[in-house]
Amino acid sequence: MAVTINADDCIACGVCVDECPQNALSLDGVCVVDEDACIDCGSCVDACPVEAISA
């Protein structure tokens, strides 16, 4: 199960994209998760400055 992005809270800053060791995140107006690549490590959850990502 991949992490969940709250699109209403996401500010598309890209911090999570840079932190993801699996390159499972991208930006398309907001953060988007590649569920096949995500390993639920939580790096993006910890990195998000607006807490828009949950595990």
C-alpha atoms as a PDB file:
ATOM      1  CA  MET A   1       0.000   0.000   0.000  1.00  0.00           C
ATOM      2  CA  ALA A   2       1.442   3.337  -1.047  1.00  0.00           C
ATOM      3  CA  VAL A   3       1.405   6.536   0.943  1.00  0.00           C
ATOM      4  CA  THR A   4      -1.567   8.891   0.575  1.00  0.00           C
ATOM      5  CA  ILE A   5      -1.314  12.485  -0.622  1.00  0.00           C
ATOM      6  CA  ASN A   6      -3.860  15.047   0.562  1.00  0.00           C
ATOM      7  CA  ALA A   7      -4.080  17.125  -2.615  1.00  0.00           C
ATOM      8  CA  ASP A   8      -5.847  19.964  -0.810  1.00  0.00           C
ATOM      9  CA  ASP A   9      -2.872  20.420   1.525  1.00  0.00           C
ATOM     10  CA  CYS A  10      -0.033  19.705  -0.935  1.00  0.00           C
ATOM     11  CA  ILE A  11       1.855  22.848  -1.994  1.00  0.00           C
ATOM     12  CA  ALA A  12       3.886  21.047  -4.704  1.00  0.00           C
ATOM     13  CA  CYS A  13       7.184  22.131  -3.177  1.00  0.00           C
ATOM     14  CA  GLY A  14       9.026  18.984  -4.330  1.00  0.00           C
ATOM     15  CA  VAL A  15      10.735  18.214  -1.037  1.00  0.00           C
ATOM     16  CA  CYS A  16       9.140  14.758  -0.906  1.00  0.00           C
ATOM     17  CA  VAL A  17      10.202  14.006  -4.488  1.00  0.00           C
ATOM     18  CA  ASP A  18      13.822  14.746  -3.578  1.00  0.00           C
ATOM     19  CA  GLU A  19      13.641  12.580  -0.436  1.00  0.00           C
ATOM     20  CA  CYS A  20      12.122   9.463  -2.016  1.00  0.00           C
ATOM     21  CA  PRO A  21      14.787   6.732  -2.357  1.00  0.00           C
ATOM     22  CA  GLN A  22      12.630   4.802  -4.864  1.00  0.00           C
ATOM     23  CA  ASN A  23      11.803   7.758  -7.148  1.00  0.00           C
ATOM     24  CA  ALA A  24       8.153   6.875  -6.561  1.00  0.00           C
ATOM     25  CA  LEU A  25       6.978  10.480  -6.332  1.00  0.00           C
ATOM     26  CA  SER A  26       6.517  13.108  -9.008  1.00  0.00           C
ATOM     27  CA  LEU A  27       4.834  16.478  -9.330  1.00  0.00           C
ATOM     28  CA  ASP A  28       1.828  17.111 -11.553  1.00  0.00           C
ATOM     29  CA  GLY A  29       0.309  20.181  -9.945  1.00  0.00           C
ATOM     30  CA  VAL A  30       0.510  18.230  -6.678  1.00  0.00           C
ATOM     31  CA  CYS A  31       2.554  15.257  -5.529  1.00  0.00           C
ATOM     32  CA  VAL A  32       1.673  11.977  -7.265  1.00  0.00           C
ATOM     33  CA  VAL A  33       2.651   8.509  -5.995  1.00  0.00           C
ATOM     34  CA  ASP A  34       3.667   5.625  -8.239  1.00  0.00           C
ATOM     35  CA  GLU A  35       2.054   2.895  -6.142  1.00  0.00           C
ATOM     36  CA  ASP A  36       4.103   0.167  -7.852  1.00  0.00           C
ATOM     37  CA  ALA A  37       7.395   1.839  -6.900  1.00  0.00           C
ATOM     38  CA  CYS A  38       6.479   3.030  -3.377  1.00  0.00           C
ATOM     39  CA  ILE A  39       7.871   0.830  -0.587  1.00  0.00           C
ATOM     40  CA  ASP A  40       6.167   2.682   2.303  1.00  0.00           C
ATOM     41  CA  CYS A  41       9.476   3.755   3.835  1.00  0.00           C
ATOM     42  CA  GLY A  42       8.025   7.016   5.179  1.00  0.00           C
ATOM     43  CA  SER A  43      10.794   9.303   3.973  1.00  0.00           C
ATOM     44  CA  CYS A  44       8.309  11.542   2.223  1.00  0.00           C
ATOM     45  CA  VAL A  45       5.974  11.633   5.236  1.00  0.00           C
ATOM     46  CA  ASP A  46       8.787  12.951   7.424  1.00  0.00           C
ATOM     47  CA  ALA A  47       9.977  15.408   4.760  1.00  0.00           C
ATOM     48  CA  CYS A  48       6.658  17.069   3.907  1.00  0.00           C
ATOM     49  CA  PRO A  49       6.637  20.568   5.426  1.00  0.00           C
ATOM     50  CA  VAL A  50       2.822  20.836   5.393  1.00  0.00           C
ATOM     51  CA  GLU A  51       2.034  17.268   6.523  1.00  0.00           C
ATOM     52  CA  ALA A  52       0.120  16.510   3.306  1.00  0.00           C
ATOM     53  CA  ILE A  53       1.418  12.928   3.146  1.00  0.00           C
ATOM     54  CA  SER A  54       0.287  10.081   5.355  1.00  0.00           C
ATOM     55  CA  ALA A  55       1.246   6.437   5.589  1.00  0.00           C
END
